């Protein structure tokens, strides 16, 4: 049997920014600034979100990326300008191709129970930026936890111990939710030529051959390396972790946090103009607004859109 070679993880931990998103939603944002985007290509955003009604994410646009949403707790309602609508429940996954343009709303389903989950934005390369938008949803039966000895693993994308996840993004990614009992050692192979991170969302753990100590809501990143195995060890509280990795596409990103363009700022400006003028993929804006956003006052919705387009890289 070939000897496993273990990855070295960066000791410069990724510390999330606690940011306000939408109208009152609370976000732990691990990937989102230009430095992290460059280091963790092809990912352009990774959030852990917390929200409950009447707050949420009213109608807003996207371009040039693919989003994967994975629910931990509560429910989230979604509705978009192509007619898609539905409700995500705990353990369920949504894959959204924004492509050449989409406008949608995401709202928590309850005034009492907090909605908690993860959302990842995966960049599209130049030849795929203008794909038609679509949704795919996977109920919890499509991605169940399975046992690797005493560990529990759920495969969202990629393959772990012979189990393949349901999500197949245009830009290939690898995405696991791993639960370890206390003081437990675990090894996970990551596809060759992928880079990414190990994120701890509950408990305590060390990761990598250099045993980087990760605290709750922190992540340790890894670049493309010859070594292809990540080793994890939980502490006295056990650990719940996300292993997220992807194949870099090596294209510069220009963005305003909603639209992600390649190579030049002029292209980003054109997409912004397309949205403002409701053309080239955004024609449905002329006649559409979601029903699920109506619990948010109009003035707050307009403030949210104003903040979105105040930021430009």
C-alpha atoms as a PDB file:
ATOM      1  CA  UNK A   1       0.000   0.000   0.000  1.00  0.00           C
ATOM      2  CA  UNK A   2       1.359   3.435  -0.940  1.00  0.00           C
ATOM      3  CA  UNK A   3       2.333   5.635   1.960  1.00  0.00           C
ATOM      4  CA  UNK A   4      -0.012   8.597   2.476  1.00  0.00           C
ATOM      5  CA  UNK A   5       1.548  12.043   2.264  1.00  0.00           C
ATOM      6  CA  UNK A   6      -0.080  14.627   4.497  1.00  0.00           C
ATOM      7  CA  UNK A   7      -0.737  18.232   3.560  1.00  0.00           C
ATOM      8  CA  UNK A   8       0.810  21.119   5.440  1.00  0.00           C
ATOM      9  CA  UNK A   9      -1.819  23.718   6.309  1.00  0.00           C
ATOM     10  CA  UNK A  10      -1.195  27.431   6.665  1.00  0.00           C
ATOM     11  CA  UNK A  11      -0.653  28.541  10.258  1.00  0.00           C
ATOM     12  CA  UNK A  12      -2.107  31.928   9.247  1.00  0.00           C
ATOM     13  CA  UNK A  13      -5.671  31.039  10.166  1.00  0.00           C
ATOM     14  CA  UNK A  14      -8.607  32.386   8.199  1.00  0.00           C
ATOM     15  CA  UNK A  15     -10.575  34.433  10.751  1.00  0.00           C
ATOM     16  CA  UNK A  16     -14.121  35.178   9.557  1.00  0.00           C
ATOM     17  CA  UNK A  17     -15.495  38.681   9.341  1.00  0.00           C
ATOM     18  CA  UNK A  18     -18.770  39.055  11.206  1.00  0.00           C
ATOM     19  CA  UNK A  19     -20.704  41.047   8.614  1.00  0.00           C
ATOM     20  CA  UNK A  20     -24.253  42.261   8.097  1.00  0.00           C
ATOM     21  CA  UNK A  21     -25.752  41.015   4.838  1.00  0.00           C
ATOM     22  CA  UNK A  22     -29.124  41.682   3.279  1.00  0.00           C
ATOM     23  CA  UNK A  23     -31.457  43.200   5.843  1.00  0.00           C
ATOM     24  CA  UNK A  24     -30.307  42.099   9.301  1.00  0.00           C
ATOM     25  CA  UNK A  25     -28.777  38.730   8.397  1.00  0.00           C
ATOM     26  CA  UNK A  26     -25.648  37.833  10.405  1.00  0.00           C
ATOM     27  CA  UNK A  27     -22.826  36.273   8.388  1.00  0.00           C
ATOM     28  CA  UNK A  28     -19.492  34.694   9.317  1.00  0.00           C
ATOM     29  CA  UNK A  29     -17.599  35.397   6.064  1.00  0.00           C
ATOM     30  CA  UNK A  30     -14.419  33.356   5.546  1.00  0.00           C
ATOM     31  CA  UNK A  31     -13.914  34.081   1.853  1.00  0.00           C
ATOM     32  CA  UNK A  32     -14.987  37.366   0.330  1.00  0.00           C
ATOM     33  CA  UNK A  33     -12.112  39.828   0.102  1.00  0.00           C
ATOM     34  CA  UNK A  34      -9.715  39.976  -2.838  1.00  0.00           C
ATOM     35  CA  UNK A  35      -6.786  38.469  -0.915  1.00  0.00           C
ATOM     36  CA  UNK A  36      -8.760  35.372   0.092  1.00  0.00           C
ATOM     37  CA  UNK A  37     -10.224  35.043  -3.407  1.00  0.00           C
ATOM     38  CA  UNK A  38      -6.718  34.948  -4.889  1.00  0.00           C
ATOM     39  CA  UNK A  39      -5.415  32.405  -2.364  1.00  0.00           C
ATOM     40  CA  UNK A  40      -8.520  30.172  -2.440  1.00  0.00           C
ATOM     41  CA  UNK A  41      -9.320  30.197  -6.174  1.00  0.00           C
ATOM     42  CA  UNK A  42     -11.879  29.039  -7.462  1.00  0.00           C
ATOM     43  CA  UNK A  43     -13.916  30.151  -4.420  1.00  0.00           C
ATOM     44  CA  UNK A  44     -15.115  33.754  -4.310  1.00  0.00           C
ATOM     45  CA  UNK A  45     -17.284  33.543  -1.198  1.00  0.00           C
ATOM     46  CA  UNK A  46     -17.807  31.199   1.743  1.00  0.00           C
ATOM     47  CA  UNK A  47     -20.323  32.201   4.422  1.00  0.00           C
ATOM     48  CA  UNK A  48     -21.931  30.656   7.467  1.00  0.00           C
ATOM     49  CA  UNK A  49     -25.256  32.495   7.774  1.00  0.00           C
ATOM     50  CA  UNK A  50     -27.629  33.055  10.707  1.00  0.00           C
ATOM     51  CA  UNK A  51     -30.998  34.781  10.269  1.00  0.00           C
ATOM     52  CA  UNK A  52     -34.683  34.698  11.119  1.00  0.00           C
ATOM     53  CA  UNK A  53     -37.757  36.553   9.873  1.00  0.00           C
ATOM     54  CA  UNK A  54     -38.629  39.327   9.277  1.00  0.00           C
ATOM     55  CA  UNK A  55     -34.969  39.801   8.255  1.00  0.00           C
ATOM     56  CA  UNK A  56     -33.276  38.180   5.275  1.00  0.00           C
ATOM     57  CA  UNK A  57     -32.018  38.707   1.740  1.00  0.00           C
ATOM     58  CA  UNK A  58     -34.594  40.487  -0.459  1.00  0.00           C
ATOM     59  CA  UNK A  59     -34.385  40.603  -4.258  1.00  0.00           C
ATOM     60  CA  UNK A  60     -30.767  40.896  -5.447  1.00  0.00           C
ATOM     61  CA  UNK A  61     -28.809  39.968  -8.598  1.00  0.00           C
ATOM     62  CA  UNK A  62     -25.854  37.713  -9.415  1.00  0.00           C
ATOM     63  CA  UNK A  63     -23.661  37.105 -12.452  1.00  0.00           C
ATOM     64  CA  UNK A  64     -20.717  34.892 -13.360  1.00  0.00           C
ATOM     65  CA  UNK A  65     -20.728  32.319 -10.562  1.00  0.00           C
ATOM     66  CA  UNK A  66     -22.394  29.189  -9.195  1.00  0.00           C
ATOM     67  CA  UNK A  67     -23.731  29.023  -5.615  1.00  0.00           C
ATOM     68  CA  UNK A  68     -24.076  25.976  -3.351  1.00  0.00           C
ATOM     69  CA  UNK A  69     -26.235  26.376  -0.235  1.00  0.00           C
ATOM     70  CA  UNK A  70     -26.226  23.708   2.486  1.00  0.00           C
ATOM     71  CA  UNK A  71     -28.689  23.885   5.386  1.00  0.00           C
ATOM     72  CA  UNK A  72     -27.873  22.988   8.994  1.00  0.00           C
ATOM     73  CA  UNK A  73     -30.894  24.318  10.883  1.00  0.00           C
ATOM     74  CA  UNK A  74     -34.266  25.917  10.177  1.00  0.00           C
ATOM     75  CA  UNK A  75     -35.621  26.596   6.707  1.00  0.00           C
ATOM     76  CA  UNK A  76     -34.944  29.081   3.941  1.00  0.00           C
ATOM     77  CA  UNK A  77     -37.374  30.169   1.225  1.00  0.00           C
ATOM     78  CA  UNK A  78     -36.135  31.105  -2.216  1.00  0.00           C
ATOM     79  CA  UNK A  79     -37.719  32.630  -5.312  1.00  0.00           C
ATOM     80  CA  UNK A  80     -36.176  33.894  -8.550  1.00  0.00           C
ATOM     81  CA  UNK A  81     -37.141  35.800 -11.668  1.00  0.00           C
ATOM     82  CA  UNK A  82     -37.242  32.675 -13.860  1.00  0.00           C
ATOM     83  CA  UNK A  83     -40.132  31.252 -11.813  1.00  0.00           C
ATOM     84  CA  UNK A  84     -38.173  28.909  -9.534  1.00  0.00           C
ATOM     85  CA  UNK A  85     -39.297  28.805  -5.909  1.00  0.00           C
ATOM     86  CA  UNK A  86     -39.071  26.433  -2.988  1.00  0.00           C
ATOM     87  CA  UNK A  87     -38.028  25.753   0.605  1.00  0.00           C
ATOM     88  CA  UNK A  88     -34.748  24.282   1.839  1.00  0.00           C
ATOM     89  CA  UNK A  89     -34.832  22.221   5.050  1.00  0.00           C
ATOM     90  CA  UNK A  90     -32.053  20.921   7.331  1.00  0.00           C
ATOM     91  CA  UNK A  91     -29.635  18.653   5.495  1.00  0.00           C
ATOM     92  CA  UNK A  92     -30.812  19.819   2.072  1.00  0.00           C
ATOM     93  CA  UNK A  93     -28.656  21.354  -0.647  1.00  0.00           C
ATOM     94  CA  UNK A  94     -29.348  23.861  -3.407  1.00  0.00           C
ATOM     95  CA  UNK A  95     -27.132  24.415  -6.439  1.00  0.00           C
ATOM     96  CA  UNK A  96     -27.767  27.671  -8.316  1.00  0.00           C
ATOM     97  CA  UNK A  97     -26.134  28.567 -11.620  1.00  0.00           C
ATOM     98  CA  UNK A  98     -26.210  32.367 -11.876  1.00  0.00           C
ATOM     99  CA  UNK A  99     -24.375  32.359 -15.197  1.00  0.00           C
ATOM    100  CA  UNK A 100     -25.355  35.265 -17.441  1.00  0.00           C
ATOM    101  CA  UNK A 101     -27.647  36.717 -14.780  1.00  0.00           C
ATOM    102  CA  UNK A 102     -30.252  35.951 -12.155  1.00  0.00           C
ATOM    103  CA  UNK A 103     -32.219  37.922  -9.571  1.00  0.00           C
ATOM    104  CA  UNK A 104     -33.573  36.116  -6.529  1.00  0.00           C
ATOM    105  CA  UNK A 105     -34.568  36.424  -2.872  1.00  0.00           C
ATOM    106  CA  UNK A 106     -33.613  34.219   0.083  1.00  0.00           C
ATOM    107  CA  UNK A 107     -35.682  34.528   3.246  1.00  0.00           C
ATOM    108  CA  UNK A 108     -35.709  32.510   6.486  1.00  0.00           C
ATOM    109  CA  UNK A 109     -38.858  30.487   7.008  1.00  0.00           C
ATOM    110  CA  UNK A 110     -39.525  31.256  10.672  1.00  0.00           C
ATOM    111  CA  UNK A 111     -39.885  34.172  13.083  1.00  0.00           C
ATOM    112  CA  UNK A 112     -38.861  31.916  15.996  1.00  0.00           C
ATOM    113  CA  UNK A 113     -36.279  29.403  14.809  1.00  0.00           C
ATOM    114  CA  UNK A 114     -32.956  30.671  13.503  1.00  0.00           C
ATOM    115  CA  UNK A 115     -31.960  29.635   9.985  1.00  0.00           C
ATOM    116  CA  UNK A 116     -28.321  28.441   9.859  1.00  0.00           C
ATOM    117  CA  UNK A 117     -26.316  27.122   6.947  1.00  0.00           C
ATOM    118  CA  UNK A 118     -23.397  27.549   4.580  1.00  0.00           C
ATOM    119  CA  UNK A 119     -23.215  29.254   1.209  1.00  0.00           C
ATOM    120  CA  UNK A 120     -20.324  28.919  -1.220  1.00  0.00           C
ATOM    121  CA  UNK A 121     -19.824  30.911  -4.433  1.00  0.00           C
ATOM    122  CA  UNK A 122     -17.734  29.096  -7.043  1.00  0.00           C
ATOM    123  CA  UNK A 123     -16.197  31.147  -9.834  1.00  0.00           C
ATOM    124  CA  UNK A 124     -16.912  30.325 -13.486  1.00  0.00           C
ATOM    125  CA  UNK A 125     -14.165  30.547 -16.058  1.00  0.00           C
ATOM    126  CA  UNK A 126     -14.440  32.850 -19.057  1.00  0.00           C
ATOM    127  CA  UNK A 127     -16.069  30.313 -21.381  1.00  0.00           C
ATOM    128  CA  UNK A 128     -18.815  29.528 -18.841  1.00  0.00           C
ATOM    129  CA  UNK A 129     -19.651  33.011 -17.522  1.00  0.00           C
ATOM    130  CA  UNK A 130     -22.689  33.392 -19.795  1.00  0.00           C
ATOM    131  CA  UNK A 131     -24.399  30.058 -19.195  1.00  0.00           C
ATOM    132  CA  UNK A 132     -28.175  30.040 -18.756  1.00  0.00           C
ATOM    133  CA  UNK A 133     -29.217  30.147 -15.074  1.00  0.00           C
ATOM    134  CA  UNK A 134     -30.725  27.085 -13.404  1.00  0.00           C
ATOM    135  CA  UNK A 135     -31.424  25.513 -10.011  1.00  0.00           C
ATOM    136  CA  UNK A 136     -30.942  22.001  -8.688  1.00  0.00           C
ATOM    137  CA  UNK A 137     -32.121  20.883  -5.257  1.00  0.00           C
ATOM    138  CA  UNK A 138     -31.156  17.766  -3.338  1.00  0.00           C
ATOM    139  CA  UNK A 139     -33.111  16.534  -0.337  1.00  0.00           C
ATOM    140  CA  UNK A 140     -31.351  15.011   2.650  1.00  0.00           C
ATOM    141  CA  UNK A 141     -31.760  11.484   1.217  1.00  0.00           C
ATOM    142  CA  UNK A 142     -29.393  12.412  -1.621  1.00  0.00           C
ATOM    143  CA  UNK A 143     -26.558  13.283   0.769  1.00  0.00           C
ATOM    144  CA  UNK A 144     -26.774  11.263   3.960  1.00  0.00           C
ATOM    145  CA  UNK A 145     -24.157  10.945   6.668  1.00  0.00           C
ATOM    146  CA  UNK A 146     -22.288   7.656   6.557  1.00  0.00           C
ATOM    147  CA  UNK A 147     -19.883   6.090   9.035  1.00  0.00           C
ATOM    148  CA  UNK A 148     -16.135   5.881   8.555  1.00  0.00           C
ATOM    149  CA  UNK A 149     -15.501   3.870  11.707  1.00  0.00           C
ATOM    150  CA  UNK A 150     -16.624   6.310  14.449  1.00  0.00           C
ATOM    151  CA  UNK A 151     -16.683   9.418  12.236  1.00  0.00           C
ATOM    152  CA  UNK A 152     -19.710  10.699  10.341  1.00  0.00           C
ATOM    153  CA  UNK A 153     -19.177  12.069   6.834  1.00  0.00           C
ATOM    154  CA  UNK A 154     -21.573  13.754   4.430  1.00  0.00           C
ATOM    155  CA  UNK A 155     -20.397  14.253   0.839  1.00  0.00           C
ATOM    156  CA  UNK A 156     -21.879  17.340  -0.792  1.00  0.00           C
ATOM    157  CA  UNK A 157     -19.511  17.318  -3.788  1.00  0.00           C
ATOM    158  CA  UNK A 158     -16.734  14.940  -4.749  1.00  0.00           C
ATOM    159  CA  UNK A 159     -16.016  11.478  -3.369  1.00  0.00           C
ATOM    160  CA  UNK A 160     -15.070  10.252   0.098  1.00  0.00           C
ATOM    161  CA  UNK A 161     -14.449   6.616   0.989  1.00  0.00           C
ATOM    162  CA  UNK A 162     -16.357   5.440  -2.082  1.00  0.00           C
ATOM    163  CA  UNK A 163     -19.385   7.714  -1.593  1.00  0.00           C
ATOM    164  CA  UNK A 164     -20.080  10.414  -4.215  1.00  0.00           C
ATOM    165  CA  UNK A 165     -21.975  13.613  -3.442  1.00  0.00           C
ATOM    166  CA  UNK A 166     -24.891  14.924  -5.543  1.00  0.00           C
ATOM    167  CA  UNK A 167     -23.471  18.342  -6.454  1.00  0.00           C
ATOM    168  CA  UNK A 168     -21.494  18.638  -9.686  1.00  0.00           C
ATOM    169  CA  UNK A 169     -20.505  22.239 -10.259  1.00  0.00           C
ATOM    170  CA  UNK A 170     -19.223  23.566 -13.558  1.00  0.00           C
ATOM    171  CA  UNK A 171     -15.873  24.343 -11.887  1.00  0.00           C
ATOM    172  CA  UNK A 172     -15.031  21.111 -10.020  1.00  0.00           C
ATOM    173  CA  UNK A 173     -15.124  21.258  -6.202  1.00  0.00           C
ATOM    174  CA  UNK A 174     -14.785  18.910  -3.225  1.00  0.00           C
ATOM    175  CA  UNK A 175     -17.086  19.583  -0.248  1.00  0.00           C
ATOM    176  CA  UNK A 176     -17.546  17.497   2.920  1.00  0.00           C
ATOM    177  CA  UNK A 177     -19.263  17.908   6.285  1.00  0.00           C
ATOM    178  CA  UNK A 178     -17.376  15.787   8.848  1.00  0.00           C
ATOM    179  CA  UNK A 179     -18.359  15.035  12.458  1.00  0.00           C
ATOM    180  CA  UNK A 180     -15.692  13.580  14.739  1.00  0.00           C
ATOM    181  CA  UNK A 181     -16.182  12.213  18.275  1.00  0.00           C
ATOM    182  CA  UNK A 182     -13.860  13.514  20.967  1.00  0.00           C
ATOM    183  CA  UNK A 183     -10.104  12.919  20.611  1.00  0.00           C
ATOM    184  CA  UNK A 184     -10.538  11.189  17.246  1.00  0.00           C
ATOM    185  CA  UNK A 185      -8.022  10.960  14.388  1.00  0.00           C
ATOM    186  CA  UNK A 186      -9.273  11.041  10.789  1.00  0.00           C
ATOM    187  CA  UNK A 187      -7.669  11.090   7.348  1.00  0.00           C
ATOM    188  CA  UNK A 188      -9.274  12.445   4.170  1.00  0.00           C
ATOM    189  CA  UNK A 189      -7.839  12.358   0.657  1.00  0.00           C
ATOM    190  CA  UNK A 190      -8.378  15.522  -1.409  1.00  0.00           C
ATOM    191  CA  UNK A 191      -8.263  15.510  -5.232  1.00  0.00           C
ATOM    192  CA  UNK A 192      -4.880  16.256  -6.778  1.00  0.00           C
ATOM    193  CA  UNK A 193      -4.294  19.887  -7.854  1.00  0.00           C
ATOM    194  CA  UNK A 194      -7.053  21.222  -5.563  1.00  0.00           C
ATOM    195  CA  UNK A 195      -6.648  23.937  -2.936  1.00  0.00           C
ATOM    196  CA  UNK A 196      -9.035  24.976  -0.185  1.00  0.00           C
ATOM    197  CA  UNK A 197      -9.579  25.002   3.559  1.00  0.00           C
ATOM    198  CA  UNK A 198     -10.650  23.141   6.669  1.00  0.00           C
ATOM    199  CA  UNK A 199     -13.331  25.081   8.589  1.00  0.00           C
ATOM    200  CA  UNK A 200     -14.318  24.258  12.174  1.00  0.00           C
ATOM    201  CA  UNK A 201     -17.898  25.224  12.974  1.00  0.00           C
ATOM    202  CA  UNK A 202     -18.241  23.377  16.264  1.00  0.00           C
ATOM    203  CA  UNK A 203     -15.850  21.923  18.860  1.00  0.00           C
ATOM    204  CA  UNK A 204     -12.046  21.947  18.639  1.00  0.00           C
ATOM    205  CA  UNK A 205      -9.532  20.374  16.274  1.00  0.00           C
ATOM    206  CA  UNK A 206      -6.048  20.311  14.806  1.00  0.00           C
ATOM    207  CA  UNK A 207      -5.363  19.778  11.097  1.00  0.00           C
ATOM    208  CA  UNK A 208      -2.459  19.026   8.766  1.00  0.00           C
ATOM    209  CA  UNK A 209       0.840  17.291   9.337  1.00  0.00           C
ATOM    210  CA  UNK A 210       1.945  20.449  11.160  1.00  0.00           C
ATOM    211  CA  UNK A 211      -1.065  20.146  13.530  1.00  0.00           C
ATOM    212  CA  UNK A 212      -2.520  23.621  13.117  1.00  0.00           C
ATOM    213  CA  UNK A 213      -4.822  24.370  16.054  1.00  0.00           C
ATOM    214  CA  UNK A 214      -8.228  25.573  14.778  1.00  0.00           C
ATOM    215  CA  UNK A 215     -10.781  27.251  17.039  1.00  0.00           C
ATOM    216  CA  UNK A 216     -14.526  27.433  16.414  1.00  0.00           C
ATOM    217  CA  UNK A 217     -15.413  29.642  13.395  1.00  0.00           C
ATOM    218  CA  UNK A 218     -11.825  29.554  12.110  1.00  0.00           C
ATOM    219  CA  UNK A 219     -10.290  27.856   9.082  1.00  0.00           C
ATOM    220  CA  UNK A 220      -6.849  26.683   7.984  1.00  0.00           C
ATOM    221  CA  UNK A 221      -6.128  26.876   4.256  1.00  0.00           C
ATOM    222  CA  UNK A 222      -4.010  24.697   1.978  1.00  0.00           C
ATOM    223  CA  UNK A 223      -2.623  25.355  -1.493  1.00  0.00           C
ATOM    224  CA  UNK A 224      -1.990  22.897  -4.328  1.00  0.00           C
ATOM    225  CA  UNK A 225       0.614  20.445  -3.007  1.00  0.00           C
ATOM    226  CA  UNK A 226       2.126  17.109  -3.947  1.00  0.00           C
ATOM    227  CA  UNK A 227       0.620  15.713  -0.758  1.00  0.00           C
ATOM    228  CA  UNK A 228      -3.072  14.857  -1.149  1.00  0.00           C
ATOM    229  CA  UNK A 229      -4.296  13.843   2.319  1.00  0.00           C
ATOM    230  CA  UNK A 230      -5.617  16.076   5.105  1.00  0.00           C
ATOM    231  CA  UNK A 231      -5.342  14.623   8.597  1.00  0.00           C
ATOM    232  CA  UNK A 232      -7.691  15.884  11.315  1.00  0.00           C
ATOM    233  CA  UNK A 233      -7.843  15.335  15.068  1.00  0.00           C
ATOM    234  CA  UNK A 234     -10.665  16.455  17.306  1.00  0.00           C
ATOM    235  CA  UNK A 235     -10.280  17.686  20.885  1.00  0.00           C
ATOM    236  CA  UNK A 236     -12.182  16.894  24.058  1.00  0.00           C
ATOM    237  CA  UNK A 237     -15.405  18.400  22.688  1.00  0.00           C
ATOM    238  CA  UNK A 238     -15.353  16.518  19.396  1.00  0.00           C
ATOM    239  CA  UNK A 239     -15.473  18.499  16.162  1.00  0.00           C
ATOM    240  CA  UNK A 240     -17.736  19.394  13.249  1.00  0.00           C
ATOM    241  CA  UNK A 241     -15.773  20.522  10.210  1.00  0.00           C
ATOM    242  CA  UNK A 242     -16.152  21.461   6.584  1.00  0.00           C
ATOM    243  CA  UNK A 243     -13.443  20.405   4.128  1.00  0.00           C
ATOM    244  CA  UNK A 244     -13.811  22.563   1.027  1.00  0.00           C
ATOM    245  CA  UNK A 245     -11.477  22.436  -1.960  1.00  0.00           C
ATOM    246  CA  UNK A 246     -11.546  23.223  -5.661  1.00  0.00           C
ATOM    247  CA  UNK A 247      -9.535  23.237  -8.845  1.00  0.00           C
ATOM    248  CA  UNK A 248      -8.120  26.752  -9.464  1.00  0.00           C
ATOM    249  CA  UNK A 249      -9.069  28.424 -12.746  1.00  0.00           C
ATOM    250  CA  UNK A 250      -6.326  31.098 -12.579  1.00  0.00           C
ATOM    251  CA  UNK A 251      -8.396  34.027 -13.850  1.00  0.00           C
ATOM    252  CA  UNK A 252      -8.356  37.440 -12.219  1.00  0.00           C
ATOM    253  CA  UNK A 253     -11.677  38.392 -10.626  1.00  0.00           C
ATOM    254  CA  UNK A 254     -13.303  41.818 -10.761  1.00  0.00           C
ATOM    255  CA  UNK A 255     -16.428  42.042  -8.642  1.00  0.00           C
ATOM    256  CA  UNK A 256     -18.872  44.071  -6.602  1.00  0.00           C
ATOM    257  CA  UNK A 257     -19.730  41.030  -4.395  1.00  0.00           C
ATOM    258  CA  UNK A 258     -22.701  40.142  -6.662  1.00  0.00           C
ATOM    259  CA  UNK A 259     -21.245  40.191 -10.173  1.00  0.00           C
ATOM    260  CA  UNK A 260     -17.974  38.352 -10.869  1.00  0.00           C
ATOM    261  CA  UNK A 261     -16.197  39.171 -14.098  1.00  0.00           C
ATOM    262  CA  UNK A 262     -12.824  38.087 -15.488  1.00  0.00           C
ATOM    263  CA  UNK A 263      -9.803  39.955 -16.799  1.00  0.00           C
ATOM    264  CA  UNK A 264     -10.936  43.600 -16.803  1.00  0.00           C
ATOM    265  CA  UNK A 265     -13.015  46.197 -14.969  1.00  0.00           C
ATOM    266  CA  UNK A 266     -14.652  47.334 -18.203  1.00  0.00           C
ATOM    267  CA  UNK A 267     -16.409  43.967 -18.461  1.00  0.00           C
ATOM    268  CA  UNK A 268     -17.713  44.317 -14.907  1.00  0.00           C
ATOM    269  CA  UNK A 269     -19.024  47.786 -15.721  1.00  0.00           C
ATOM    270  CA  UNK A 270     -20.882  46.362 -18.726  1.00  0.00           C
ATOM    271  CA  UNK A 271     -22.601  43.759 -16.530  1.00  0.00           C
ATOM    272  CA  UNK A 272     -23.602  46.483 -14.068  1.00  0.00           C
ATOM    273  CA  UNK A 273     -25.049  48.462 -16.986  1.00  0.00           C
ATOM    274  CA  UNK A 274     -26.910  45.373 -18.223  1.00  0.00           C
ATOM    275  CA  UNK A 275     -28.570  45.003 -14.823  1.00  0.00           C
ATOM    276  CA  UNK A 276     -29.419  48.706 -14.552  1.00  0.00           C
ATOM    277  CA  UNK A 277     -30.876  48.704 -18.083  1.00  0.00           C
ATOM    278  CA  UNK A 278     -32.530  45.271 -17.650  1.00  0.00           C
ATOM    279  CA  UNK A 279     -30.950  43.681 -20.726  1.00  0.00           C
ATOM    280  CA  UNK A 280     -28.578  40.852 -21.781  1.00  0.00           C
ATOM    281  CA  UNK A 281     -29.850  38.364 -19.213  1.00  0.00           C
ATOM    282  CA  UNK A 282     -31.719  40.710 -16.864  1.00  0.00           C
ATOM    283  CA  UNK A 283     -34.847  41.336 -18.967  1.00  0.00           C
ATOM    284  CA  UNK A 284     -37.146  39.659 -16.424  1.00  0.00           C
ATOM    285  CA  UNK A 285     -36.369  42.455 -13.938  1.00  0.00           C
ATOM    286  CA  UNK A 286     -38.864  44.630 -15.830  1.00  0.00           C
ATOM    287  CA  UNK A 287     -41.914  42.748 -14.555  1.00  0.00           C
ATOM    288  CA  UNK A 288     -40.739  40.663 -11.562  1.00  0.00           C
ATOM    289  CA  UNK A 289     -40.396  41.023  -7.830  1.00  0.00           C
ATOM    290  CA  UNK A 290     -40.518  38.212  -5.292  1.00  0.00           C
ATOM    291  CA  UNK A 291     -43.405  37.667  -2.897  1.00  0.00           C
ATOM    292  CA  UNK A 292     -41.221  36.306  -0.105  1.00  0.00           C
ATOM    293  CA  UNK A 293     -39.428  39.646   0.373  1.00  0.00           C
ATOM    294  CA  UNK A 294     -42.655  41.443   1.337  1.00  0.00           C
ATOM    295  CA  UNK A 295     -42.037  41.072   5.081  1.00  0.00           C
ATOM    296  CA  UNK A 296     -39.192  43.586   4.644  1.00  0.00           C
ATOM    297  CA  UNK A 297     -40.254  47.252   4.277  1.00  0.00           C
ATOM    298  CA  UNK A 298     -39.596  48.793   0.866  1.00  0.00           C
ATOM    299  CA  UNK A 299     -37.235  51.404   2.310  1.00  0.00           C
ATOM    300  CA  UNK A 300     -34.983  48.652   3.752  1.00  0.00           C
ATOM    301  CA  UNK A 301     -34.968  46.759   0.459  1.00  0.00           C
ATOM    302  CA  UNK A 302     -33.826  49.863  -1.396  1.00  0.00           C
ATOM    303  CA  UNK A 303     -31.130  50.558   1.209  1.00  0.00           C
ATOM    304  CA  UNK A 304     -29.839  47.007   0.727  1.00  0.00           C
ATOM    305  CA  UNK A 305     -29.568  47.401  -3.056  1.00  0.00           C
ATOM    306  CA  UNK A 306     -27.843  50.754  -2.578  1.00  0.00           C
ATOM    307  CA  UNK A 307     -25.212  49.162  -0.334  1.00  0.00           C
ATOM    308  CA  UNK A 308     -24.637  46.319  -2.806  1.00  0.00           C
ATOM    309  CA  UNK A 309     -23.744  48.668  -5.600  1.00  0.00           C
ATOM    310  CA  UNK A 310     -21.747  51.064  -3.446  1.00  0.00           C
ATOM    311  CA  UNK A 311     -18.978  48.413  -3.329  1.00  0.00           C
ATOM    312  CA  UNK A 312     -16.829  47.925  -6.413  1.00  0.00           C
ATOM    313  CA  UNK A 313     -13.360  46.364  -6.810  1.00  0.00           C
END
